[in-house]
Amino acid sequence: MRRKLYRLTLLLPALALQGCIATAVAGVAVAVVKAPFQVAGVAVDTLTTSQEEADRNAGKKARKDAEKTQKERRKAEKAARDDQD
């Protein structure tokens, strides 16, 4: 009787943990399968420019060009004033 009880105490936790072990193994398998796709997605995202990024960069360039033009105009106006004096 004591041996049966001993075997039962060893067998029950093993049966109870099968689902946990299977879930852990499946989780690792899914992570291994997803990893290359995630890496590829990051690489594509890094190498490509979205429309939003392109618009933001175009706006930034336009503002810098406008500032440069305004600065040159002010410099030319100042030089013209200095020449008149």
C-alpha atoms as a PDB file:
ATOM      1  CA  MET A   1       0.000   0.000   0.000  1.00  0.00           C
ATOM      2  CA  ARG A   2       2.801   2.360   0.879  1.00  0.00           C
ATOM      3  CA  ARG A   3       4.493   1.785  -2.483  1.00  0.00           C
ATOM      4  CA  LYS A   4       1.299   2.554  -4.373  1.00  0.00           C
ATOM      5  CA  LEU A   5       0.890   5.778  -2.440  1.00  0.00           C
ATOM      6  CA  TYR A   6       4.515   6.696  -3.191  1.00  0.00           C
ATOM      7  CA  ARG A   7       4.035   6.023  -6.917  1.00  0.00           C
ATOM      8  CA  LEU A   8       0.811   7.988  -6.911  1.00  0.00           C
ATOM      9  CA  THR A   9       2.494  11.009  -5.300  1.00  0.00           C
ATOM     10  CA  LEU A  10       5.150  10.915  -8.012  1.00  0.00           C
ATOM     11  CA  LEU A  11       2.699  10.376 -10.839  1.00  0.00           C
ATOM     12  CA  LEU A  12       0.111  13.034  -9.987  1.00  0.00           C
ATOM     13  CA  PRO A  13       2.456  16.073 -10.148  1.00  0.00           C
ATOM     14  CA  ALA A  14       3.912  14.761 -13.415  1.00  0.00           C
ATOM     15  CA  LEU A  15       0.447  14.493 -14.936  1.00  0.00           C
ATOM     16  CA  ALA A  16      -0.579  17.883 -13.565  1.00  0.00           C
ATOM     17  CA  LEU A  17       2.484  19.624 -14.990  1.00  0.00           C
ATOM     18  CA  GLN A  18       2.157  18.269 -18.525  1.00  0.00           C
ATOM     19  CA  GLY A  19       0.051  21.214 -19.601  1.00  0.00           C
ATOM     20  CA  CYS A  20       2.523  23.693 -18.136  1.00  0.00           C
ATOM     21  CA  ILE A  21       5.453  22.028 -19.843  1.00  0.00           C
ATOM     22  CA  ALA A  22       3.612  21.820 -23.166  1.00  0.00           C
ATOM     23  CA  THR A  23       2.660  25.489 -22.914  1.00  0.00           C
ATOM     24  CA  ALA A  24       6.247  26.487 -22.149  1.00  0.00           C
ATOM     25  CA  VAL A  25       7.608  24.435 -25.043  1.00  0.00           C
ATOM     26  CA  ALA A  26       4.983  25.850 -27.407  1.00  0.00           C
ATOM     27  CA  GLY A  27       5.786  29.392 -26.252  1.00  0.00           C
ATOM     28  CA  VAL A  28       9.474  28.907 -26.960  1.00  0.00           C
ATOM     29  CA  ALA A  29       8.704  27.366 -30.341  1.00  0.00           C
ATOM     30  CA  VAL A  30       6.504  30.317 -31.299  1.00  0.00           C
ATOM     31  CA  ALA A  31       9.190  32.774 -30.187  1.00  0.00           C
ATOM     32  CA  VAL A  32      11.817  30.958 -32.267  1.00  0.00           C
ATOM     33  CA  VAL A  33       9.563  31.005 -35.334  1.00  0.00           C
ATOM     34  CA  LYS A  34       8.625  34.691 -34.900  1.00  0.00           C
ATOM     35  CA  ALA A  35      12.172  35.952 -34.321  1.00  0.00           C
ATOM     36  CA  PRO A  36      13.355  36.013 -37.979  1.00  0.00           C
ATOM     37  CA  PHE A  37      10.212  37.841 -39.059  1.00  0.00           C
ATOM     38  CA  GLN A  38      10.605  40.421 -36.307  1.00  0.00           C
ATOM     39  CA  VAL A  39      14.235  41.007 -37.272  1.00  0.00           C
ATOM     40  CA  ALA A  40      13.257  41.344 -40.928  1.00  0.00           C
ATOM     41  CA  GLY A  41      10.491  43.771 -39.998  1.00  0.00           C
ATOM     42  CA  VAL A  42      12.902  45.970 -38.060  1.00  0.00           C
ATOM     43  CA  ALA A  43      15.372  45.905 -40.950  1.00  0.00           C
ATOM     44  CA  VAL A  44      12.717  46.883 -43.496  1.00  0.00           C
ATOM     45  CA  ASP A  45      11.410  49.620 -41.209  1.00  0.00           C
ATOM     46  CA  THR A  46      14.930  50.975 -40.768  1.00  0.00           C
ATOM     47  CA  LEU A  47      15.751  50.930 -44.471  1.00  0.00           C
ATOM     48  CA  THR A  48      12.507  52.379 -45.787  1.00  0.00           C
ATOM     49  CA  THR A  49      10.944  55.791 -45.285  1.00  0.00           C
ATOM     50  CA  SER A  50       7.237  56.026 -44.588  1.00  0.00           C
ATOM     51  CA  GLN A  51       5.086  58.739 -46.144  1.00  0.00           C
ATOM     52  CA  GLU A  52       4.814  60.435 -42.749  1.00  0.00           C
ATOM     53  CA  GLU A  53       8.605  60.514 -42.381  1.00  0.00           C
ATOM     54  CA  ALA A  54       9.011  61.817 -45.931  1.00  0.00           C
ATOM     55  CA  ASP A  55       6.474  64.593 -45.283  1.00  0.00           C
ATOM     56  CA  ARG A  56       8.166  65.529 -42.009  1.00  0.00           C
ATOM     57  CA  ASN A  57      11.592  65.626 -43.678  1.00  0.00           C
ATOM     58  CA  ALA A  58      10.259  67.709 -46.584  1.00  0.00           C
ATOM     59  CA  GLY A  59       8.683  70.182 -44.156  1.00  0.00           C
ATOM     60  CA  LYS A  60      11.916  70.447 -42.190  1.00  0.00           C
ATOM     61  CA  LYS A  61      13.901  71.071 -45.386  1.00  0.00           C
ATOM     62  CA  ALA A  62      11.419  73.712 -46.542  1.00  0.00           C
ATOM     63  CA  ARG A  63      11.664  75.535 -43.189  1.00  0.00           C
ATOM     64  CA  LYS A  64      15.466  75.462 -43.277  1.00  0.00           C
ATOM     65  CA  ASP A  65      15.485  76.759 -46.854  1.00  0.00           C
ATOM     66  CA  ALA A  66      13.069  79.556 -45.887  1.00  0.00           C
ATOM     67  CA  GLU A  67      15.239  80.490 -42.892  1.00  0.00           C
ATOM     68  CA  LYS A  68      18.348  80.507 -45.074  1.00  0.00           C
ATOM     69  CA  THR A  69      16.651  82.689 -47.687  1.00  0.00           C
ATOM     70  CA  GLN A  70      15.376  85.097 -45.023  1.00  0.00           C
ATOM     71  CA  LYS A  71      18.821  85.298 -43.424  1.00  0.00           C
ATOM     72  CA  GLU A  72      20.453  86.036 -46.789  1.00  0.00           C
ATOM     73  CA  ARG A  73      17.797  88.698 -47.535  1.00  0.00           C
ATOM     74  CA  ARG A  74      18.415  90.399 -44.166  1.00  0.00           C
ATOM     75  CA  LYS A  75      22.153  90.273 -44.762  1.00  0.00           C
ATOM     76  CA  ALA A  76      21.728  91.815 -48.224  1.00  0.00           C
ATOM     77  CA  GLU A  77      19.431  94.543 -46.832  1.00  0.00           C
ATOM     78  CA  LYS A  78      21.954  95.343 -44.103  1.00  0.00           C
ATOM     79  CA  ALA A  79      24.763  95.490 -46.646  1.00  0.00           C
ATOM     80  CA  ALA A  80      22.644  97.834 -48.820  1.00  0.00           C
ATOM     81  CA  ARG A  81      21.969 100.106 -45.809  1.00  0.00           C
ATOM     82  CA  ASP A  82      25.649 100.138 -44.906  1.00  0.00           C
ATOM     83  CA  ASP A  83      26.585 101.057 -48.504  1.00  0.00           C
ATOM     84  CA  GLN A  84      24.139 103.992 -48.446  1.00  0.00           C
ATOM     85  CA  ASP A  85      25.734 105.414 -45.327  1.00  0.00           C
END
